[in-house]
Amino acid sequence: MRSPDGALLGGPAAGDTARLERFFEAALAAFDRAAAVAGCRVERVGVAGQVAELRFAGPSIRERLFPALEHLSGPGLASPSLTISVFDSASTGVPMPPPAWPRDAVGPRGEVAGFADGPWRVAFNVGSGILLVHDRDGGRALAWTADAAAVPYYETASPMRPLLAWWLGDAGRQVVHAAAVGRGGRGVLLTGRGGSGKTTTALLCVQAGLAYAGDNNLVLAHGTPARGHALYGSATVRPGTLERLPALRARLRNADRLDEEKGLLFVGGADGTPRLPSFDVAAILLPRVVGGPRSRLEPASAGACFAALAPSSVLSLPGAREAAVARLGAWARSVPAHHLLLGDDLDAIPGLVAGALGAAP
């Protein structure tokens, strides 16, 4: 964890629950001081039948972490099962207390040794500078960073992903690395490793009139058929995609930083794009750029579907993996899957996706 002056912080011992509990209470007290200084904005969001309350200390951190979740907010949401207190030190002037783990306790996926699972879960992403602490039994959580202005674009696109995945996983839901589009309460998942063509395919389909559920992260829930739920209202776009879809440039939030970042935009709502908040999963498509004159669908096995869906959905998240792997295996066996081989005929791709969906665009 890094302090506002950039010094790496470290505490005394990994896995010391009593020390972590004291740290968490001190951190919540720091949030209260930050909210007293900068004001507190409370938002509720609902996803996959679960409701979380987010308390933002000051506008700076809210502007970075809430826009991608804003489409999930609205009146009439039930009492929350999780309350997340969110603040940064730079904009509020309130420091974070020293943490309850040593310097070398943070693993490659951000998990903190001794707190990857169990009643307390802690993760610190060195790249984004976001600290997440989850009190599972108390239904409380904390999200902190040293400086809201330094939050990178990819965290703005998918804020607090490990924390939301922990919380939803406890309710039997699974955050998956996939895009989705659809219509009329039905949708198709587009999944695979980075660069496989998920975003290009999803945005081509949106341009052709299909509704948008998400670009990189969705939530799956058990059912017959399986149910998908939108999580983030964002898309991150590679420069090559912008060349193929130049109309997107007018909607970018970071057009001045494309030499070092993917393009960031929010899809749906103000731009008039129809959204797909929840849907029956009609098919799972595995895009792959092959070039040539003709795009096409080919049958895919459950094993190929699992291999595309599981690694990027599970291995990038801190915490236990067994339950997630079991869920993904069941979904891969229960939903029709196809390889979506992407050629140079971009205009044909939405029709192929709509065919797998069972509706023409």
Protein backbone atom coordinates (compact mmCIF):
# COMPACT_ATOMS: atom_id res chain seq x y z
CA MET A 1 0.00 0.00 0.00
CA ARG A 2 1.30 3.47 -0.84
CA SER A 3 0.87 6.60 1.22
CA PRO A 4 0.15 10.01 -0.36
CA ASP A 5 3.89 10.75 -0.46
CA GLY A 6 4.58 7.49 -2.32
CA ALA A 7 6.28 5.57 0.50
CA LEU A 8 5.45 1.88 0.67
CA LEU A 9 3.66 1.11 3.90
CA GLY A 10 3.90 -2.14 5.80
CA GLY A 11 2.61 -3.52 9.07
CA PRO A 12 3.83 -6.14 11.48
CA ALA A 13 2.37 -9.55 10.56
CA ALA A 14 0.32 -11.34 7.92
CA GLY A 15 -2.84 -13.12 9.01
CA ASP A 16 -3.19 -11.31 12.34
CA THR A 17 -6.98 -10.98 12.51
CA ALA A 18 -7.14 -8.91 15.71
CA ARG A 19 -4.67 -6.43 14.27
CA LEU A 20 -6.64 -6.28 11.02
CA GLU A 21 -9.88 -5.60 12.90
CA ARG A 22 -8.22 -2.68 14.70
CA PHE A 23 -6.86 -1.39 11.39
CA PHE A 24 -10.30 -1.61 9.76
CA GLU A 25 -12.01 0.31 12.55
CA ALA A 26 -9.27 2.96 12.40
CA ALA A 27 -9.68 3.15 8.64
CA LEU A 28 -13.46 3.63 8.97
CA ALA A 29 -12.80 6.40 11.48
CA ALA A 30 -10.48 7.97 8.90
CA PHE A 31 -13.29 7.74 6.35
CA ASP A 32 -15.64 9.53 8.75
CA ARG A 33 -13.10 12.34 9.13
CA ALA A 34 -12.68 12.52 5.37
CA ALA A 35 -16.47 12.69 4.89
CA ALA A 36 -16.71 15.47 7.49
CA VAL A 37 -14.10 17.46 5.55
CA ALA A 38 -15.22 16.81 1.96
CA GLY A 39 -18.88 15.83 2.33
CA CYS A 40 -20.47 12.42 1.86
CA ARG A 41 -22.49 11.26 -1.14
CA VAL A 42 -24.44 8.00 -0.66
CA GLU A 43 -25.43 5.83 -3.62
CA ARG A 44 -27.18 2.47 -3.84
CA VAL A 45 -26.64 0.03 -6.68
CA GLY A 46 -28.39 -3.23 -7.46
CA VAL A 47 -26.92 -6.10 -9.46
CA ALA A 48 -28.07 -9.71 -9.82
CA GLY A 49 -30.61 -9.27 -7.02
CA GLN A 50 -28.05 -7.89 -4.57
CA VAL A 51 -27.86 -4.31 -3.27
CA ALA A 52 -24.78 -2.42 -2.09
CA GLU A 53 -24.55 1.04 -0.58
CA LEU A 54 -21.54 3.16 -1.53
CA ARG A 55 -20.52 6.09 0.67
CA PHE A 56 -18.13 8.46 -1.10
CA ALA A 57 -16.13 10.99 0.91
CA GLY A 58 -15.90 13.97 -1.43
CA PRO A 59 -16.53 14.37 -5.15
CA SER A 60 -13.04 13.48 -6.39
CA ILE A 61 -13.15 9.77 -5.62
CA ARG A 62 -16.81 9.52 -6.69
CA GLU A 63 -15.98 10.97 -10.09
CA ARG A 64 -13.39 8.24 -10.60
CA LEU A 65 -15.20 5.19 -9.25
CA PHE A 66 -18.95 5.72 -9.67
CA PRO A 67 -19.69 6.50 -13.37
CA ALA A 68 -19.28 2.86 -14.46
CA LEU A 69 -21.77 1.78 -11.77
CA GLU A 70 -24.24 4.63 -12.11
CA HIS A 71 -26.55 2.69 -14.45
CA LEU A 72 -27.18 0.24 -11.56
CA SER A 73 -28.53 2.96 -9.27
CA GLY A 74 -32.11 4.10 -8.95
CA PRO A 75 -35.06 4.47 -6.59
CA GLY A 76 -36.73 1.62 -4.78
CA LEU A 77 -33.68 -0.56 -4.12
CA ALA A 78 -33.89 -2.84 -1.10
CA SER A 79 -31.79 -2.59 2.04
CA PRO A 80 -28.12 -3.23 1.21
CA SER A 81 -26.25 -6.37 2.17
CA LEU A 82 -22.94 -4.52 1.84
CA THR A 83 -21.87 -0.97 2.75
CA ILE A 84 -18.68 0.30 1.12
CA SER A 85 -16.89 3.36 2.50
CA VAL A 86 -14.75 5.00 -0.19
CA PHE A 87 -12.19 7.78 0.17
CA ASP A 88 -8.81 9.07 -0.91
CA SER A 89 -6.24 10.93 1.15
CA ALA A 90 -5.08 13.60 -1.29
CA SER A 91 -8.44 15.30 -1.87
CA THR A 92 -9.59 15.04 1.77
CA GLY A 93 -6.30 15.55 3.62
CA VAL A 94 -6.98 12.49 5.80
CA PRO A 95 -4.22 9.84 5.89
CA MET A 96 -4.80 6.10 6.04
CA PRO A 97 -3.55 4.44 9.25
CA PRO A 98 -0.64 2.00 8.94
CA PRO A 99 -1.83 -1.39 7.66
CA ALA A 100 -1.85 -4.71 9.50
CA TRP A 101 0.40 -6.69 7.16
CA PRO A 102 4.08 -6.59 6.20
CA ARG A 103 5.61 -5.12 3.08
CA ASP A 104 6.00 -8.47 1.33
CA ALA A 105 2.48 -9.79 2.10
CA VAL A 106 0.86 -8.65 -1.18
CA GLY A 107 0.67 -11.45 -3.77
CA PRO A 108 0.73 -11.25 -7.57
CA ARG A 109 -3.06 -10.87 -7.85
CA GLY A 110 -3.17 -8.28 -5.08
CA GLU A 111 -4.22 -10.69 -2.33
CA VAL A 112 -2.77 -10.06 1.11
CA ALA A 113 -1.32 -13.20 2.72
CA GLY A 114 -3.55 -14.53 5.46
CA PHE A 115 -6.57 -12.55 4.22
CA ALA A 116 -7.26 -14.02 0.77
CA ASP A 117 -10.38 -15.78 2.09
CA GLY A 118 -12.19 -16.32 5.38
CA PRO A 119 -14.10 -13.75 7.45
CA TRP A 120 -11.76 -10.97 6.28
CA ARG A 121 -10.51 -10.43 2.74
CA VAL A 122 -7.94 -7.84 1.74
CA ALA A 123 -6.44 -6.91 -1.61
CA PHE A 124 -4.14 -4.15 -2.75
CA ASN A 125 -3.58 -3.57 -6.45
CA VAL A 126 -0.12 -2.09 -6.81
CA GLY A 127 -0.84 -0.87 -10.34
CA SER A 128 -4.05 1.00 -9.57
CA GLY A 129 -3.16 1.88 -5.96
CA ILE A 130 -6.56 0.70 -4.69
CA LEU A 131 -6.86 -0.97 -1.28
CA LEU A 132 -9.95 -3.12 -0.63
CA VAL A 133 -10.96 -4.62 2.73
CA HIS A 134 -14.06 -6.79 3.15
CA ASP A 135 -15.62 -7.69 6.49
CA ARG A 136 -17.80 -10.58 5.31
CA ASP A 137 -19.65 -11.18 8.56
CA GLY A 138 -20.33 -7.49 9.15
CA GLY A 139 -21.42 -6.65 5.60
CA ARG A 140 -18.91 -3.78 5.55
CA ALA A 141 -16.08 -2.86 3.21
CA LEU A 142 -13.55 -0.14 2.60
CA ALA A 143 -12.02 1.15 -0.64
CA TRP A 144 -9.13 3.61 -0.42
CA THR A 145 -6.46 5.12 -2.59
CA ALA A 146 -3.81 7.73 -1.91
CA ASP A 147 -4.93 10.12 -4.66
CA ALA A 148 -8.18 9.96 -6.62
CA ALA A 149 -6.59 11.96 -9.43
CA ALA A 150 -4.06 9.15 -9.96
CA VAL A 151 -6.66 6.36 -10.40
CA PRO A 152 -5.92 4.80 -13.82
CA TYR A 153 -8.50 4.53 -16.60
CA TYR A 154 -8.90 0.78 -16.22
CA GLU A 155 -9.95 1.16 -12.58
CA THR A 156 -12.45 3.83 -13.59
CA ALA A 157 -13.81 1.37 -16.16
CA SER A 158 -14.10 -1.54 -13.69
CA PRO A 159 -14.03 -0.06 -10.18
CA MET A 160 -13.54 -2.24 -7.10
CA ARG A 161 -13.83 -5.43 -9.16
CA PRO A 162 -12.31 -7.84 -6.60
CA LEU A 163 -14.53 -6.49 -3.82
CA LEU A 164 -17.71 -6.76 -5.90
CA ALA A 165 -16.67 -10.25 -7.03
CA TRP A 166 -16.17 -11.36 -3.40
CA TRP A 167 -19.55 -9.97 -2.35
CA LEU A 168 -21.46 -11.39 -5.31
CA GLY A 169 -19.65 -14.73 -5.01
CA ASP A 170 -20.90 -15.09 -1.43
CA ALA A 171 -24.44 -14.86 -2.89
CA GLY A 172 -23.72 -17.57 -5.49
CA ARG A 173 -23.10 -15.13 -8.34
CA GLN A 174 -19.96 -15.12 -10.46
CA VAL A 175 -18.19 -12.17 -12.06
CA VAL A 176 -16.91 -13.31 -15.46
CA HIS A 177 -14.57 -11.77 -18.01
CA ALA A 178 -16.91 -11.38 -20.96
CA ALA A 179 -18.84 -8.91 -23.07
CA ALA A 180 -22.55 -9.30 -23.80
CA VAL A 181 -25.17 -7.92 -26.17
CA GLY A 182 -28.74 -8.93 -26.82
CA ARG A 183 -32.37 -8.02 -27.19
CA GLY A 184 -35.72 -8.79 -25.61
CA GLY A 185 -34.32 -10.27 -22.41
CA ARG A 186 -31.93 -12.64 -24.21
CA GLY A 187 -28.21 -12.18 -24.65
CA VAL A 188 -25.00 -13.79 -25.83
CA LEU A 189 -21.71 -13.78 -23.94
CA LEU A 190 -18.52 -12.99 -25.84
CA THR A 191 -15.54 -14.38 -23.99
CA GLY A 192 -11.86 -15.08 -24.47
CA ARG A 193 -8.45 -13.67 -23.73
CA GLY A 194 -7.62 -10.02 -24.26
CA GLY A 195 -7.35 -9.09 -27.93
CA SER A 196 -9.69 -11.83 -29.12
CA GLY A 197 -12.24 -9.35 -30.50
CA LYS A 198 -14.83 -9.16 -27.71
CA THR A 199 -15.03 -5.37 -27.61
CA THR A 200 -14.98 -4.92 -31.38
CA THR A 201 -17.78 -7.46 -31.75
CA ALA A 202 -19.88 -5.98 -28.94
CA LEU A 203 -19.61 -2.42 -30.26
CA LEU A 204 -20.33 -3.49 -33.84
CA CYS A 205 -23.50 -5.14 -32.52
CA VAL A 206 -24.45 -2.02 -30.55
CA GLN A 207 -23.94 0.04 -33.70
CA ALA A 208 -26.31 -2.37 -35.50
CA GLY A 209 -29.04 -1.91 -32.87
CA LEU A 210 -28.52 -4.62 -30.29
CA ALA A 211 -28.61 -3.69 -26.58
CA TYR A 212 -25.44 -3.51 -24.52
CA ALA A 213 -24.77 -5.33 -21.25
CA GLY A 214 -21.03 -4.93 -20.83
CA ASP A 215 -17.57 -5.02 -22.32
CA ASN A 216 -15.25 -6.84 -19.92
CA ASN A 217 -17.13 -7.94 -16.79
CA LEU A 218 -20.57 -9.44 -16.30
CA VAL A 219 -22.31 -11.39 -13.56
CA LEU A 220 -23.73 -14.89 -14.06
CA ALA A 221 -26.33 -16.47 -11.78
CA HIS A 222 -27.56 -20.05 -11.71
CA GLY A 223 -30.81 -20.80 -13.43
CA THR A 224 -32.35 -22.62 -16.35
CA PRO A 225 -31.36 -21.00 -18.58
CA ALA A 226 -28.40 -19.25 -16.97
CA ARG A 227 -28.98 -15.57 -16.19
CA GLY A 228 -26.56 -12.80 -17.04
CA HIS A 229 -26.50 -9.38 -15.40
CA ALA A 230 -24.77 -6.16 -16.39
CA LEU A 231 -22.12 -4.89 -14.00
CA TYR A 232 -20.16 -1.97 -15.50
CA GLY A 233 -21.50 0.47 -18.06
CA SER A 234 -18.09 1.09 -19.58
CA ALA A 235 -16.00 -0.05 -22.53
CA THR A 236 -12.24 0.10 -23.01
CA VAL A 237 -11.24 0.28 -26.64
CA ARG A 238 -7.95 -0.57 -28.35
CA PRO A 239 -6.63 1.87 -30.97
CA GLY A 240 -7.32 -0.68 -33.71
CA THR A 241 -10.98 -0.78 -32.72
CA LEU A 242 -11.19 3.00 -32.89
CA GLU A 243 -9.90 2.84 -36.45
CA ARG A 244 -12.68 0.40 -37.36
CA LEU A 245 -15.36 2.38 -35.47
CA PRO A 246 -14.33 6.03 -35.81
CA ALA A 247 -17.68 7.32 -34.46
CA LEU A 248 -16.55 6.21 -31.00
CA ARG A 249 -13.89 8.91 -30.81
CA ALA A 250 -16.48 11.59 -30.06
CA ARG A 251 -17.56 9.67 -26.93
CA LEU A 252 -14.12 8.99 -25.42
CA ARG A 253 -13.39 10.25 -21.92
CA ASN A 254 -9.60 10.17 -22.39
CA ALA A 255 -9.04 11.09 -26.03
CA ASP A 256 -5.96 13.12 -25.06
CA ARG A 257 -4.20 10.09 -23.52
CA LEU A 258 -4.59 7.39 -26.18
CA ASP A 259 -0.83 7.20 -26.67
CA GLU A 260 -0.58 5.48 -23.27
CA GLU A 261 -4.12 4.22 -22.47
CA LYS A 262 -6.94 2.33 -24.10
CA GLY A 263 -9.89 4.51 -24.96
CA LEU A 264 -12.50 4.75 -22.17
CA LEU A 265 -16.18 5.41 -22.84
CA PHE A 266 -19.52 4.76 -21.18
CA VAL A 267 -22.20 3.03 -23.23
CA GLY A 268 -25.93 3.51 -22.75
CA GLY A 269 -28.00 6.15 -21.03
CA ALA A 270 -27.12 9.62 -22.29
CA ASP A 271 -25.80 8.36 -25.64
CA GLY A 272 -29.13 6.67 -26.44
CA THR A 273 -27.72 3.15 -26.68
CA PRO A 274 -30.24 0.59 -25.35
CA ARG A 275 -29.01 -1.29 -22.30
CA LEU A 276 -29.52 -4.94 -21.37
CA PRO A 277 -29.55 -5.00 -17.55
CA SER A 278 -30.30 -8.72 -17.22
CA PHE A 279 -30.89 -11.52 -19.67
CA ASP A 280 -31.21 -15.24 -20.30
CA VAL A 281 -27.92 -16.50 -21.74
CA ALA A 282 -28.80 -17.86 -25.19
CA ALA A 283 -25.24 -18.76 -26.22
CA ILE A 284 -21.58 -18.24 -25.44
CA LEU A 285 -19.46 -17.08 -28.39
CA LEU A 286 -15.68 -17.38 -28.50
CA PRO A 287 -14.43 -14.65 -30.86
CA ARG A 288 -11.11 -14.98 -32.63
CA VAL A 289 -9.65 -12.75 -35.31
CA VAL A 290 -8.76 -14.92 -38.32
CA GLY A 291 -8.91 -12.41 -41.18
CA GLY A 292 -10.01 -13.36 -44.65
CA PRO A 293 -13.14 -12.37 -46.52
CA ARG A 294 -15.77 -14.15 -44.44
CA SER A 295 -16.68 -14.20 -40.75
CA ARG A 296 -18.47 -17.33 -39.58
CA LEU A 297 -19.74 -19.40 -36.66
CA GLU A 298 -18.47 -22.88 -35.92
CA PRO A 299 -19.56 -25.22 -33.09
CA ALA A 300 -17.44 -25.13 -29.93
CA SER A 301 -17.15 -27.80 -27.26
CA ALA A 302 -17.91 -27.27 -23.60
CA GLY A 303 -14.19 -27.73 -22.94
CA ALA A 304 -13.26 -24.94 -25.35
CA CYS A 305 -15.91 -22.73 -23.77
CA PHE A 306 -14.56 -23.40 -20.26
CA ALA A 307 -10.98 -22.79 -21.40
CA ALA A 308 -11.97 -19.41 -22.82
CA LEU A 309 -14.13 -18.35 -19.87
CA ALA A 310 -12.36 -19.61 -16.77
CA PRO A 311 -8.71 -18.41 -16.79
CA SER A 312 -9.38 -14.72 -17.37
CA SER A 313 -12.43 -14.79 -15.07
CA VAL A 314 -10.78 -16.52 -12.12
CA LEU A 315 -7.01 -16.20 -12.23
CA SER A 316 -7.01 -12.40 -12.29
CA LEU A 317 -9.02 -12.14 -9.06
CA PRO A 318 -7.65 -12.55 -5.55
CA GLY A 319 -9.15 -15.13 -3.23
CA ALA A 320 -10.31 -18.73 -3.35
CA ARG A 321 -11.00 -20.19 -6.78
CA GLU A 322 -12.65 -23.61 -6.27
CA ALA A 323 -16.27 -22.42 -6.14
CA ALA A 324 -15.77 -20.12 -9.11
CA VAL A 325 -14.25 -22.89 -11.22
CA ALA A 326 -17.15 -25.21 -10.39
CA ARG A 327 -19.72 -22.56 -11.37
CA LEU A 328 -17.99 -21.81 -14.66
CA GLY A 329 -17.72 -25.49 -15.52
CA ALA A 330 -21.46 -25.95 -15.00
CA TRP A 331 -22.29 -22.95 -17.20
CA ALA A 332 -19.93 -24.08 -19.94
CA ARG A 333 -21.75 -27.42 -20.10
CA SER A 334 -25.26 -25.96 -20.02
CA VAL A 335 -25.13 -23.20 -22.68
CA PRO A 336 -24.64 -23.63 -26.45
CA ALA A 337 -21.17 -22.44 -27.52
CA HIS A 338 -19.74 -21.39 -30.87
CA HIS A 339 -16.44 -20.11 -32.19
CA LEU A 340 -17.01 -16.70 -33.77
CA LEU A 341 -14.28 -16.45 -36.40
CA LEU A 342 -13.83 -12.79 -37.28
CA GLY A 343 -12.93 -11.97 -40.85
CA ASP A 344 -12.62 -8.65 -42.62
CA ASP A 345 -16.37 -8.34 -43.36
CA LEU A 346 -17.28 -6.28 -40.29
CA ASP A 347 -20.82 -5.60 -41.44
CA ALA A 348 -21.62 -9.33 -41.30
CA ILE A 349 -20.60 -9.82 -37.67
CA PRO A 350 -23.78 -8.42 -35.99
CA GLY A 351 -25.91 -10.76 -38.11
CA LEU A 352 -23.92 -13.77 -36.95
CA VAL A 353 -24.29 -12.72 -33.31
CA ALA A 354 -28.00 -12.09 -33.78
CA GLY A 355 -28.32 -15.53 -35.35
CA ALA A 356 -26.80 -17.11 -32.25
CA LEU A 357 -29.17 -14.98 -30.17
CA GLY A 358 -32.13 -16.14 -32.21
CA ALA A 359 -33.14 -12.75 -33.57
CA ALA A 360 -32.20 -10.64 -36.57
CA PRO A 361 -30.91 -7.11 -35.90
